[in-house]
Amino acid sequence: WMLAYLRGPDLVADQITYYGGTDAVIIMFLLVGLFVIVGDFIDAVPAIIIFMPIINKLTEVGDINAVHMGVVIITTLVFGLITPPYGLSLLVAAKNEEAVIGRLVKSIGDLDYPIDRYELWVIDDRSTDSTPQVLAELAKQYPQLKTFRRGENASGGKSGALNQVLPLTRGEFVAVFDADATVTPDLLRQVLPVFDREQVGAVQVRKAIANAPLNFWTRSQEAEMALDSFFQQQRIAIGGIGELRGNGQFMRRSALERCGGWNEETITDDLDLTLRLHLDLWDIEFLVFPAVAEEGVTNAKSSLAPAQPLGRRRLPALS
């Protein structure tokens, strides 16, 4: 930003002085149009800071022609003023997740992506622990965090929670994470280019076990997920179907809406959505790197525990 502010006006003015031109009024109108375009991708204040010195230089130099407009555009692109044209809504359904929700929010809140280009929605499904208080504190630190608490009569489990918040979101793409997930900073920049192919309706990120080295149970789950990843890759490579896995799944909003959102009559919402996307002729891709990490079950007793209302087994928190 500082380089663009200090050198941008002089670079443009030098080109204008060299080439001469026709009518400064035309270029002023073009600059206003460029400002509107760039301002749509970046915050208004940085856009004003960058463009005001350039406009001042133009008024000093005088007549210019279309060549100089090209210089302005190239200068803008070279200095990286335009951010990736993607909008995302990341959704997390949570119930009594005080032990892990803070780590998830911090992980997603620190993504290497413009904070005005994505939003994180945490749907609190009537938690009775300190989850609401934890989220309230985190909202002060992360402006992209939005919270929604479901009412006493809310139904549909995890699918119902996601469907209830979907109309409030604004992203062109929608992602779903479990409350115990952690991600790497480059996640969005790796996933979103996969959607450049218009037929891609969803992308599943490889899942990994965060506490895999702990014991036999967690290492077994890591091996299971590695094998599942291999099957996914090979199946897609020969023209078979990709599958969603609930945690770390990204969907094109138009594809999700055409399929009617999440099915509230099933506890396997990820597989149900997988079938409906393929029946609607959308492709589901699989991304090996980076992975989304989640906690593994640490003993036999936990593995046999009944499912929670959100359709996800409550796992012990990492120390």
C-alpha atoms as a PDB file:
ATOM      1  CA  TRP A   1       0.000   0.000   0.000  1.00  0.00           C
ATOM      2  CA  MET A   2       2.759   2.429   0.875  1.00  0.00           C
ATOM      3  CA  LEU A   3       4.564   1.772  -2.420  1.00  0.00           C
ATOM      4  CA  ALA A   4       1.354   2.331  -4.383  1.00  0.00           C
ATOM      5  CA  TYR A   5       0.708   5.548  -2.491  1.00  0.00           C
ATOM      6  CA  LEU A   6       4.219   6.959  -2.943  1.00  0.00           C
ATOM      7  CA  ARG A   7       5.080   5.869  -6.485  1.00  0.00           C
ATOM      8  CA  GLY A   8       1.727   5.411  -8.217  1.00  0.00           C
ATOM      9  CA  PRO A   9       0.943   9.114  -8.830  1.00  0.00           C
ATOM     10  CA  ASP A  10       4.438   9.894 -10.105  1.00  0.00           C
ATOM     11  CA  LEU A  11       4.478   6.905 -12.443  1.00  0.00           C
ATOM     12  CA  VAL A  12       1.146   7.895 -13.959  1.00  0.00           C
ATOM     13  CA  ALA A  13       2.095  11.588 -14.173  1.00  0.00           C
ATOM     14  CA  ASP A  14       5.403  10.786 -15.892  1.00  0.00           C
ATOM     15  CA  GLN A  15       3.607   8.792 -18.566  1.00  0.00           C
ATOM     16  CA  ILE A  16       1.053  11.552 -19.109  1.00  0.00           C
ATOM     17  CA  THR A  17       3.769  14.172 -19.483  1.00  0.00           C
ATOM     18  CA  TYR A  18       5.645  12.005 -22.000  1.00  0.00           C
ATOM     19  CA  TYR A  19       2.759  11.059 -24.264  1.00  0.00           C
ATOM     20  CA  GLY A  20       0.627  14.201 -24.179  1.00  0.00           C
ATOM     21  CA  GLY A  21      -3.078  13.670 -24.797  1.00  0.00           C
ATOM     22  CA  THR A  22      -6.518  14.928 -25.658  1.00  0.00           C
ATOM     23  CA  ASP A  23      -9.102  15.586 -23.003  1.00  0.00           C
ATOM     24  CA  ALA A  24      -8.511  15.369 -19.233  1.00  0.00           C
ATOM     25  CA  VAL A  25     -12.262  15.213 -18.618  1.00  0.00           C
ATOM     26  CA  ILE A  26     -12.493  11.790 -20.302  1.00  0.00           C
ATOM     27  CA  ILE A  27      -9.731  10.326 -18.187  1.00  0.00           C
ATOM     28  CA  MET A  28     -11.331  11.705 -15.037  1.00  0.00           C
ATOM     29  CA  PHE A  29     -14.541   9.843 -15.838  1.00  0.00           C
ATOM     30  CA  LEU A  30     -12.558   6.682 -16.554  1.00  0.00           C
ATOM     31  CA  LEU A  31     -10.697   7.059 -13.274  1.00  0.00           C
ATOM     32  CA  VAL A  32     -13.967   7.345 -11.402  1.00  0.00           C
ATOM     33  CA  GLY A  33     -15.106   4.113 -13.051  1.00  0.00           C
ATOM     34  CA  LEU A  34     -11.843   2.393 -12.116  1.00  0.00           C
ATOM     35  CA  PHE A  35     -12.173   3.661  -8.557  1.00  0.00           C
ATOM     36  CA  VAL A  36     -15.648   2.122  -8.326  1.00  0.00           C
ATOM     37  CA  ILE A  37     -14.348  -1.217  -9.637  1.00  0.00           C
ATOM     38  CA  VAL A  38     -11.339  -1.299  -7.337  1.00  0.00           C
ATOM     39  CA  GLY A  39     -13.408  -0.023  -4.423  1.00  0.00           C
ATOM     40  CA  ASP A  40     -15.671  -3.024  -4.854  1.00  0.00           C
ATOM     41  CA  PHE A  41     -12.747  -5.334  -4.111  1.00  0.00           C
ATOM     42  CA  ILE A  42     -10.977  -3.382  -1.389  1.00  0.00           C
ATOM     43  CA  ASP A  43     -12.020  -1.183   1.500  1.00  0.00           C
ATOM     44  CA  ALA A  44     -13.233   2.296   0.546  1.00  0.00           C
ATOM     45  CA  VAL A  45     -10.667   4.121   2.683  1.00  0.00           C
ATOM     46  CA  PRO A  46      -7.574   2.460   1.107  1.00  0.00           C
ATOM     47  CA  ALA A  47      -9.078   3.079  -2.338  1.00  0.00           C
ATOM     48  CA  ILE A  48      -9.459   6.781  -1.583  1.00  0.00           C
ATOM     49  CA  ILE A  49      -5.923   6.987  -0.169  1.00  0.00           C
ATOM     50  CA  ILE A  50      -4.500   5.453  -3.334  1.00  0.00           C
ATOM     51  CA  PHE A  51      -6.520   7.356  -5.906  1.00  0.00           C
ATOM     52  CA  MET A  52      -6.559  10.883  -4.520  1.00  0.00           C
ATOM     53  CA  PRO A  53      -2.838  11.561  -5.164  1.00  0.00           C
ATOM     54  CA  ILE A  54      -3.201  10.123  -8.673  1.00  0.00           C
ATOM     55  CA  ILE A  55      -6.162  12.371  -9.427  1.00  0.00           C
ATOM     56  CA  ASN A  56      -4.273  15.378  -8.057  1.00  0.00           C
ATOM     57  CA  LYS A  57      -1.357  14.657 -10.378  1.00  0.00           C
ATOM     58  CA  LEU A  58      -3.721  14.363 -13.340  1.00  0.00           C
ATOM     59  CA  THR A  59      -5.223  17.765 -12.675  1.00  0.00           C
ATOM     60  CA  GLU A  60      -1.709  19.251 -12.534  1.00  0.00           C
ATOM     61  CA  VAL A  61      -0.527  17.672 -15.785  1.00  0.00           C
ATOM     62  CA  GLY A  62      -3.566  18.443 -17.918  1.00  0.00           C
ATOM     63  CA  ASP A  63      -4.506  16.765 -21.206  1.00  0.00           C
ATOM     64  CA  ILE A  64      -4.142  12.994 -21.508  1.00  0.00           C
ATOM     65  CA  ASN A  65      -5.267  10.204 -23.825  1.00  0.00           C
ATOM     66  CA  ALA A  66      -6.375   6.603 -23.695  1.00  0.00           C
ATOM     67  CA  VAL A  67      -2.800   5.322 -23.411  1.00  0.00           C
ATOM     68  CA  HIS A  68      -2.554   6.868 -19.982  1.00  0.00           C
ATOM     69  CA  MET A  69      -5.670   5.099 -18.826  1.00  0.00           C
ATOM     70  CA  GLY A  70      -3.908   1.860 -19.610  1.00  0.00           C
ATOM     71  CA  VAL A  71      -0.962   3.010 -17.521  1.00  0.00           C
ATOM     72  CA  VAL A  72      -3.314   3.695 -14.608  1.00  0.00           C
ATOM     73  CA  ILE A  73      -4.865   0.240 -14.854  1.00  0.00           C
ATOM     74  CA  ILE A  74      -1.515  -1.534 -15.176  1.00  0.00           C
ATOM     75  CA  THR A  75      -0.107   0.418 -12.255  1.00  0.00           C
ATOM     76  CA  THR A  76      -3.121  -0.548 -10.179  1.00  0.00           C
ATOM     77  CA  LEU A  77      -2.709  -4.225 -10.997  1.00  0.00           C
ATOM     78  CA  VAL A  78       1.072  -4.238 -10.507  1.00  0.00           C
ATOM     79  CA  PHE A  79       0.743  -2.846  -7.017  1.00  0.00           C
ATOM     80  CA  GLY A  80      -1.818  -5.490  -6.139  1.00  0.00           C
ATOM     81  CA  LEU A  81      -4.775  -3.292  -5.281  1.00  0.00           C
ATOM     82  CA  ILE A  82      -7.374  -5.774  -6.514  1.00  0.00           C
ATOM     83  CA  THR A  83      -8.057  -8.722  -4.203  1.00  0.00           C
ATOM     84  CA  PRO A  84      -9.432 -12.101  -5.333  1.00  0.00           C
ATOM     85  CA  PRO A  85     -13.057 -11.748  -6.546  1.00  0.00           C
ATOM     86  CA  TYR A  86     -14.540 -14.372  -4.259  1.00  0.00           C
ATOM     87  CA  GLY A  87     -17.021 -14.060  -1.436  1.00  0.00           C
ATOM     88  CA  LEU A  88     -17.318 -16.889   1.086  1.00  0.00           C
ATOM     89  CA  SER A  89     -19.539 -17.831   3.975  1.00  0.00           C
ATOM     90  CA  LEU A  90     -18.045 -20.353   6.399  1.00  0.00           C
ATOM     91  CA  LEU A  91     -20.601 -22.089   8.624  1.00  0.00           C
ATOM     92  CA  VAL A  92     -20.146 -23.956  11.898  1.00  0.00           C
ATOM     93  CA  ALA A  93     -22.980 -25.569  13.852  1.00  0.00           C
ATOM     94  CA  ALA A  94     -22.024 -25.749  17.530  1.00  0.00           C
ATOM     95  CA  LYS A  95     -23.587 -27.068  20.718  1.00  0.00           C
ATOM     96  CA  ASN A  96     -21.688 -26.967  24.029  1.00  0.00           C
ATOM     97  CA  GLU A  97     -18.331 -26.508  22.330  1.00  0.00           C
ATOM     98  CA  GLU A  98     -16.625 -24.239  24.862  1.00  0.00           C
ATOM     99  CA  ALA A  99     -13.487 -26.404  24.852  1.00  0.00           C
ATOM    100  CA  VAL A 100     -12.764 -26.122  21.122  1.00  0.00           C
ATOM    101  CA  ILE A 101     -14.762 -23.286  19.541  1.00  0.00           C
ATOM    102  CA  GLY A 102     -12.170 -20.647  20.409  1.00  0.00           C
ATOM    103  CA  ARG A 103      -9.426 -22.521  18.580  1.00  0.00           C
ATOM    104  CA  LEU A 104     -11.620 -22.894  15.498  1.00  0.00           C
ATOM    105  CA  VAL A 105     -12.547 -19.204  15.365  1.00  0.00           C
ATOM    106  CA  LYS A 106      -8.912 -18.141  15.747  1.00  0.00           C
ATOM    107  CA  SER A 107      -7.834 -20.595  13.063  1.00  0.00           C
ATOM    108  CA  ILE A 108     -10.382 -19.293  10.555  1.00  0.00           C
ATOM    109  CA  GLY A 109     -10.101 -15.677  11.694  1.00  0.00           C
ATOM    110  CA  ASP A 110      -6.370 -15.691  10.887  1.00  0.00           C
ATOM    111  CA  LEU A 111      -6.723 -17.034   7.342  1.00  0.00           C
ATOM    112  CA  ASP A 112      -4.532 -15.474   4.673  1.00  0.00           C
ATOM    113  CA  TYR A 113      -7.460 -13.838   2.910  1.00  0.00           C
ATOM    114  CA  PRO A 114      -9.028 -10.334   2.945  1.00  0.00           C
ATOM    115  CA  ILE A 115     -11.347 -10.177   5.939  1.00  0.00           C
ATOM    116  CA  ASP A 116     -13.972  -8.284   3.944  1.00  0.00           C
ATOM    117  CA  ARG A 117     -14.197 -11.159   1.455  1.00  0.00           C
ATOM    118  CA  TYR A 118     -15.327 -13.880   3.847  1.00  0.00           C
ATOM    119  CA  GLU A 119     -17.556 -14.294   6.876  1.00  0.00           C
ATOM    120  CA  LEU A 120     -17.658 -16.914   9.617  1.00  0.00           C
ATOM    121  CA  TRP A 121     -21.070 -17.871  10.989  1.00  0.00           C
ATOM    122  CA  VAL A 122     -21.201 -19.897  14.188  1.00  0.00           C
ATOM    123  CA  ILE A 123     -24.700 -21.239  14.831  1.00  0.00           C
ATOM    124  CA  ASP A 124     -25.148 -21.821  18.552  1.00  0.00           C
ATOM    125  CA  ASP A 125     -27.711 -24.600  18.889  1.00  0.00           C
ATOM    126  CA  ARG A 126     -28.886 -23.648  22.401  1.00  0.00           C
ATOM    127  CA  SER A 127     -25.598 -24.350  24.195  1.00  0.00           C
ATOM    128  CA  THR A 128     -25.859 -24.635  27.969  1.00  0.00           C
ATOM    129  CA  ASP A 129     -22.138 -24.144  28.666  1.00  0.00           C
ATOM    130  CA  SER A 130     -20.040 -20.994  28.150  1.00  0.00           C
ATOM    131  CA  THR A 131     -19.992 -21.239  24.343  1.00  0.00           C
ATOM    132  CA  PRO A 132     -22.044 -17.998  23.925  1.00  0.00           C
ATOM    133  CA  GLN A 133     -19.696 -16.062  26.201  1.00  0.00           C
ATOM    134  CA  VAL A 134     -16.615 -17.367  24.387  1.00  0.00           C
ATOM    135  CA  LEU A 135     -18.089 -16.324  21.033  1.00  0.00           C
ATOM    136  CA  ALA A 136     -19.021 -12.867  22.344  1.00  0.00           C
ATOM    137  CA  GLU A 137     -15.415 -12.235  23.364  1.00  0.00           C
ATOM    138  CA  LEU A 138     -14.039 -13.531  20.077  1.00  0.00           C
ATOM    139  CA  ALA A 139     -16.394 -11.274  18.094  1.00  0.00           C
ATOM    140  CA  LYS A 140     -14.537  -8.274  19.535  1.00  0.00           C
ATOM    141  CA  GLN A 141     -11.312  -9.536  17.983  1.00  0.00           C
ATOM    142  CA  TYR A 142     -12.573 -10.915  14.676  1.00  0.00           C
ATOM    143  CA  PRO A 143     -14.963  -8.634  12.729  1.00  0.00           C
ATOM    144  CA  GLN A 144     -15.730 -11.415  10.241  1.00  0.00           C
ATOM    145  CA  LEU A 145     -17.293 -13.517  13.022  1.00  0.00           C
ATOM    146  CA  LYS A 146     -21.080 -13.552  13.204  1.00  0.00           C
ATOM    147  CA  THR A 147     -23.102 -15.601  15.663  1.00  0.00           C
ATOM    148  CA  PHE A 148     -26.669 -16.880  15.602  1.00  0.00           C
ATOM    149  CA  ARG A 149     -28.395 -18.567  18.538  1.00  0.00           C
ATOM    150  CA  ARG A 150     -31.244 -20.905  17.686  1.00  0.00           C
ATOM    151  CA  GLY A 151     -34.535 -20.714  19.524  1.00  0.00           C
ATOM    152  CA  GLU A 152     -35.927 -23.256  21.959  1.00  0.00           C
ATOM    153  CA  ASN A 153     -38.246 -24.797  19.360  1.00  0.00           C
ATOM    154  CA  ALA A 154     -35.618 -25.119  16.633  1.00  0.00           C
ATOM    155  CA  SER A 155     -35.415 -28.532  14.973  1.00  0.00           C
ATOM    156  CA  GLY A 156     -33.522 -30.365  12.253  1.00  0.00           C
ATOM    157  CA  GLY A 157     -30.212 -30.839  14.064  1.00  0.00           C
ATOM    158  CA  LYS A 158     -27.100 -29.732  12.220  1.00  0.00           C
ATOM    159  CA  SER A 159     -28.937 -29.535   8.881  1.00  0.00           C
ATOM    160  CA  GLY A 160     -31.642 -27.384  10.428  1.00  0.00           C
ATOM    161  CA  ALA A 161     -29.039 -25.044  11.905  1.00  0.00           C
ATOM    162  CA  LEU A 162     -27.288 -24.633   8.563  1.00  0.00           C
ATOM    163  CA  ASN A 163     -30.546 -24.091   6.665  1.00  0.00           C
ATOM    164  CA  GLN A 164     -31.689 -21.491   9.169  1.00  0.00           C
ATOM    165  CA  VAL A 165     -28.594 -19.334   8.712  1.00  0.00           C
ATOM    166  CA  LEU A 166     -28.046 -19.798   4.960  1.00  0.00           C
ATOM    167  CA  PRO A 167     -30.455 -16.962   3.959  1.00  0.00           C
ATOM    168  CA  LEU A 168     -28.456 -14.578   6.165  1.00  0.00           C
ATOM    169  CA  THR A 169     -25.161 -15.297   4.425  1.00  0.00           C
ATOM    170  CA  ARG A 170     -23.791 -13.446   1.413  1.00  0.00           C
ATOM    171  CA  GLY A 171     -20.992 -15.644   0.038  1.00  0.00           C
ATOM    172  CA  GLU A 172     -20.846 -16.940  -3.504  1.00  0.00           C
ATOM    173  CA  PHE A 173     -19.394 -20.072  -1.946  1.00  0.00           C
ATOM    174  CA  VAL A 174     -20.420 -21.778   1.282  1.00  0.00           C
ATOM    175  CA  ALA A 175     -18.241 -23.999   3.478  1.00  0.00           C
ATOM    176  CA  VAL A 176     -19.055 -26.177   6.488  1.00  0.00           C
ATOM    177  CA  PHE A 177     -16.713 -27.044   9.348  1.00  0.00           C
ATOM    178  CA  ASP A 178     -17.028 -28.979  12.588  1.00  0.00           C
ATOM    179  CA  ALA A 179     -16.461 -27.038  15.793  1.00  0.00           C
ATOM    180  CA  ASP A 180     -13.242 -28.956  16.556  1.00  0.00           C
ATOM    181  CA  ALA A 181     -11.663 -28.218  13.164  1.00  0.00           C
ATOM    182  CA  THR A 182      -8.426 -26.352  12.562  1.00  0.00           C
ATOM    183  CA  VAL A 183      -7.194 -25.103   9.199  1.00  0.00           C
ATOM    184  CA  THR A 184      -4.001 -23.731   7.653  1.00  0.00           C
ATOM    185  CA  PRO A 185      -3.763 -20.035   6.660  1.00  0.00           C
ATOM    186  CA  ASP A 186      -3.618 -20.797   2.920  1.00  0.00           C
ATOM    187  CA  LEU A 187      -6.803 -22.892   2.861  1.00  0.00           C
ATOM    188  CA  LEU A 188      -9.063 -20.513   0.920  1.00  0.00           C
ATOM    189  CA  ARG A 189      -6.416 -19.593  -1.639  1.00  0.00           C
ATOM    190  CA  GLN A 190      -5.925 -23.312  -2.374  1.00  0.00           C
ATOM    191  CA  VAL A 191      -9.606 -24.293  -2.508  1.00  0.00           C
ATOM    192  CA  LEU A 192     -11.228 -21.473  -4.452  1.00  0.00           C
ATOM    193  CA  PRO A 193      -9.306 -21.850  -7.745  1.00  0.00           C
ATOM    194  CA  VAL A 194     -10.783 -25.357  -8.047  1.00  0.00           C
ATOM    195  CA  PHE A 195     -14.155 -23.674  -8.625  1.00  0.00           C
ATOM    196  CA  ASP A 196     -12.853 -21.943 -11.751  1.00  0.00           C
ATOM    197  CA  ARG A 197     -14.329 -24.846 -13.685  1.00  0.00           C
ATOM    198  CA  GLU A 198     -18.018 -23.966 -13.752  1.00  0.00           C
ATOM    199  CA  GLN A 199     -19.208 -27.575 -13.545  1.00  0.00           C
ATOM    200  CA  VAL A 200     -17.643 -27.971 -10.080  1.00  0.00           C
ATOM    201  CA  GLY A 201     -20.426 -27.735  -7.515  1.00  0.00           C
ATOM    202  CA  ALA A 202     -18.438 -28.701  -4.427  1.00  0.00           C
ATOM    203  CA  VAL A 203     -14.937 -29.404  -3.142  1.00  0.00           C
ATOM    204  CA  GLN A 204     -14.061 -31.681  -0.244  1.00  0.00           C
ATOM    205  CA  VAL A 205     -10.800 -30.988   1.572  1.00  0.00           C
ATOM    206  CA  ARG A 206      -8.835 -33.945   2.881  1.00  0.00           C
ATOM    207  CA  LYS A 207      -9.452 -34.604   6.572  1.00  0.00           C
ATOM    208  CA  ALA A 208      -6.675 -35.372   9.035  1.00  0.00           C
ATOM    209  CA  ILE A 209      -6.526 -36.289  12.723  1.00  0.00           C
ATOM    210  CA  ALA A 210      -5.021 -33.509  14.828  1.00  0.00           C
ATOM    211  CA  ASN A 211      -4.077 -35.797  17.722  1.00  0.00           C
ATOM    212  CA  ALA A 212      -3.006 -38.773  15.573  1.00  0.00           C
ATOM    213  CA  PRO A 213       0.247 -39.536  17.477  1.00  0.00           C
ATOM    214  CA  LEU A 214      -1.626 -39.975  20.772  1.00  0.00           C
ATOM    215  CA  ASN A 215      -2.374 -43.702  20.728  1.00  0.00           C
ATOM    216  CA  PHE A 216      -3.506 -46.698  18.714  1.00  0.00           C
ATOM    217  CA  TRP A 217      -7.068 -45.408  18.297  1.00  0.00           C
ATOM    218  CA  THR A 218      -6.062 -42.029  16.890  1.00  0.00           C
ATOM    219  CA  ARG A 219      -3.398 -43.528  14.613  1.00  0.00           C
ATOM    220  CA  SER A 220      -5.993 -45.959  13.266  1.00  0.00           C
ATOM    221  CA  GLN A 221      -8.317 -43.086  12.409  1.00  0.00           C
ATOM    222  CA  GLU A 222      -5.482 -41.282  10.649  1.00  0.00           C
ATOM    223  CA  ALA A 223      -4.844 -44.425   8.569  1.00  0.00           C
ATOM    224  CA  GLU A 224      -8.564 -44.683   7.793  1.00  0.00           C
ATOM    225  CA  MET A 225      -8.689 -41.100   6.530  1.00  0.00           C
ATOM    226  CA  ALA A 226      -5.543 -41.602   4.442  1.00  0.00           C
ATOM    227  CA  LEU A 227      -7.150 -44.634   2.801  1.00  0.00           C
ATOM    228  CA  ASP A 228     -10.379 -42.707   2.224  1.00  0.00           C
ATOM    229  CA  SER A 229      -8.381 -39.920   0.565  1.00  0.00           C
ATOM    230  CA  PHE A 230      -6.721 -42.438  -1.755  1.00  0.00           C
ATOM    231  CA  PHE A 231     -10.085 -43.923  -2.739  1.00  0.00           C
ATOM    232  CA  GLN A 232     -11.527 -40.457  -3.355  1.00  0.00           C
ATOM    233  CA  GLN A 233      -8.650 -39.480  -5.639  1.00  0.00           C
ATOM    234  CA  GLN A 234      -8.700 -42.701  -7.638  1.00  0.00           C
ATOM    235  CA  ARG A 235     -12.481 -42.801  -7.966  1.00  0.00           C
ATOM    236  CA  ILE A 236     -12.630 -39.236  -9.299  1.00  0.00           C
ATOM    237  CA  ALA A 237      -9.673 -39.885 -11.628  1.00  0.00           C
ATOM    238  CA  ILE A 238     -11.547 -42.679 -13.449  1.00  0.00           C
ATOM    239  CA  GLY A 239     -14.766 -40.694 -13.728  1.00  0.00           C
ATOM    240  CA  GLY A 240     -16.461 -41.789 -10.518  1.00  0.00           C
ATOM    241  CA  ILE A 241     -18.155 -39.563  -7.969  1.00  0.00           C
ATOM    242  CA  GLY A 242     -16.491 -37.495  -5.303  1.00  0.00           C
ATOM    243  CA  GLU A 243     -18.028 -37.434  -1.827  1.00  0.00           C
ATOM    244  CA  LEU A 244     -18.538 -34.768   0.814  1.00  0.00           C
ATOM    245  CA  ARG A 245     -17.373 -35.508   4.344  1.00  0.00           C
ATOM    246  CA  GLY A 246     -19.187 -32.873   6.416  1.00  0.00           C
ATOM    247  CA  ASN A 247     -16.083 -31.180   7.797  1.00  0.00           C
ATOM    248  CA  GLY A 248     -14.090 -29.073   5.331  1.00  0.00           C
ATOM    249  CA  GLN A 249     -16.633 -29.196   2.532  1.00  0.00           C
ATOM    250  CA  PHE A 250     -17.037 -26.233   0.165  1.00  0.00           C
ATOM    251  CA  MET A 251     -20.050 -25.708  -2.078  1.00  0.00           C
ATOM    252  CA  ARG A 252     -20.992 -23.353  -4.857  1.00  0.00           C
ATOM    253  CA  ARG A 253     -23.978 -21.443  -3.519  1.00  0.00           C
ATOM    254  CA  SER A 254     -26.000 -21.805  -6.721  1.00  0.00           C
ATOM    255  CA  ALA A 255     -25.487 -25.588  -6.654  1.00  0.00           C
ATOM    256  CA  LEU A 256     -26.467 -25.836  -2.992  1.00  0.00           C
ATOM    257  CA  GLU A 257     -29.633 -23.820  -3.510  1.00  0.00           C
ATOM    258  CA  ARG A 258     -30.625 -25.797  -6.595  1.00  0.00           C
ATOM    259  CA  CYS A 259     -30.389 -28.959  -4.475  1.00  0.00           C
ATOM    260  CA  GLY A 260     -32.615 -27.471  -1.785  1.00  0.00           C
ATOM    261  CA  GLY A 261     -30.015 -26.972   0.936  1.00  0.00           C
ATOM    262  CA  TRP A 262     -29.420 -29.581   3.639  1.00  0.00           C
ATOM    263  CA  ASN A 263     -31.802 -32.471   4.283  1.00  0.00           C
ATOM    264  CA  GLU A 264     -33.143 -32.200   7.851  1.00  0.00           C
ATOM    265  CA  GLU A 265     -34.534 -35.735   7.779  1.00  0.00           C
ATOM    266  CA  THR A 266     -31.161 -37.481   7.800  1.00  0.00           C
ATOM    267  CA  ILE A 267     -28.153 -37.626  10.122  1.00  0.00           C
ATOM    268  CA  THR A 268     -25.797 -38.246   7.164  1.00  0.00           C
ATOM    269  CA  ASP A 269     -26.321 -34.808   5.638  1.00  0.00           C
ATOM    270  CA  ASP A 270     -22.974 -34.896   3.820  1.00  0.00           C
ATOM    271  CA  LEU A 271     -23.716 -38.117   1.904  1.00  0.00           C
ATOM    272  CA  ASP A 272     -27.277 -37.014   1.219  1.00  0.00           C
ATOM    273  CA  LEU A 273     -26.029 -33.748  -0.295  1.00  0.00           C
ATOM    274  CA  THR A 274     -23.403 -35.673  -2.264  1.00  0.00           C
ATOM    275  CA  LEU A 275     -26.085 -37.716  -4.024  1.00  0.00           C
ATOM    276  CA  ARG A 276     -28.312 -34.735  -4.714  1.00  0.00           C
ATOM    277  CA  LEU A 277     -25.433 -32.734  -6.207  1.00  0.00           C
ATOM    278  CA  HIS A 278     -24.506 -35.585  -8.549  1.00  0.00           C
ATOM    279  CA  LEU A 279     -28.144 -36.130  -9.537  1.00  0.00           C
ATOM    280  CA  ASP A 280     -28.194 -32.437 -10.460  1.00  0.00           C
ATOM    281  CA  LEU A 281     -25.099 -33.095 -12.639  1.00  0.00           C
ATOM    282  CA  TRP A 282     -22.560 -31.192 -10.518  1.00  0.00           C
ATOM    283  CA  ASP A 283     -19.000 -32.442 -10.077  1.00  0.00           C
ATOM    284  CA  ILE A 284     -17.421 -32.827  -6.627  1.00  0.00           C
ATOM    285  CA  GLU A 285     -13.647 -32.412  -6.512  1.00  0.00           C
ATOM    286  CA  PHE A 286     -11.227 -33.531  -3.826  1.00  0.00           C
ATOM    287  CA  LEU A 287      -8.281 -31.469  -2.545  1.00  0.00           C
ATOM    288  CA  VAL A 288      -5.399 -33.295  -0.868  1.00  0.00           C
ATOM    289  CA  PHE A 289      -3.479 -30.263   0.407  1.00  0.00           C
ATOM    290  CA  PRO A 290      -4.025 -28.471   2.671  1.00  0.00           C
ATOM    291  CA  ALA A 291      -6.002 -30.692   5.016  1.00  0.00           C
ATOM    292  CA  VAL A 292      -8.552 -29.758   7.656  1.00  0.00           C
ATOM    293  CA  ALA A 293      -7.655 -31.270  11.020  1.00  0.00           C
ATOM    294  CA  GLU A 294     -10.151 -32.603  13.530  1.00  0.00           C
ATOM    295  CA  GLU A 295      -9.908 -34.423  16.849  1.00  0.00           C
ATOM    296  CA  GLY A 296      -9.806 -38.198  16.846  1.00  0.00           C
ATOM    297  CA  VAL A 297     -11.607 -40.499  19.259  1.00  0.00           C
ATOM    298  CA  THR A 298      -9.099 -41.481  21.943  1.00  0.00           C
ATOM    299  CA  ASN A 299     -10.588 -44.726  23.324  1.00  0.00           C
ATOM    300  CA  ALA A 300     -13.150 -47.463  22.675  1.00  0.00           C
ATOM    301  CA  LYS A 301     -15.705 -45.965  25.037  1.00  0.00           C
ATOM    302  CA  SER A 302     -15.740 -42.657  23.139  1.00  0.00           C
ATOM    303  CA  SER A 303     -16.079 -44.449  19.808  1.00  0.00           C
ATOM    304  CA  LEU A 304     -19.284 -46.128  21.017  1.00  0.00           C
ATOM    305  CA  ALA A 305     -20.811 -42.933  22.456  1.00  0.00           C
ATOM    306  CA  PRO A 306     -24.209 -41.951  21.000  1.00  0.00           C
ATOM    307  CA  ALA A 307     -24.349 -39.121  18.481  1.00  0.00           C
ATOM    308  CA  GLN A 308     -25.064 -35.627  19.726  1.00  0.00           C
ATOM    309  CA  PRO A 309     -28.114 -33.665  18.460  1.00  0.00           C
ATOM    310  CA  LEU A 310     -26.029 -32.011  15.758  1.00  0.00           C
ATOM    311  CA  GLY A 311     -25.200 -35.390  14.286  1.00  0.00           C
ATOM    312  CA  ARG A 312     -21.550 -35.244  15.411  1.00  0.00           C
ATOM    313  CA  ARG A 313     -19.879 -37.262  18.156  1.00  0.00           C
ATOM    314  CA  ARG A 314     -18.601 -35.071  20.977  1.00  0.00           C
ATOM    315  CA  LEU A 315     -14.868 -35.647  21.187  1.00  0.00           C
ATOM    316  CA  PRO A 316     -12.515 -34.840  24.043  1.00  0.00           C
ATOM    317  CA  ALA A 317     -10.627 -31.570  23.667  1.00  0.00           C
ATOM    318  CA  LEU A 318      -6.935 -31.450  22.918  1.00  0.00           C
ATOM    319  CA  SER A 319      -4.812 -30.323  25.833  1.00  0.00           C
END
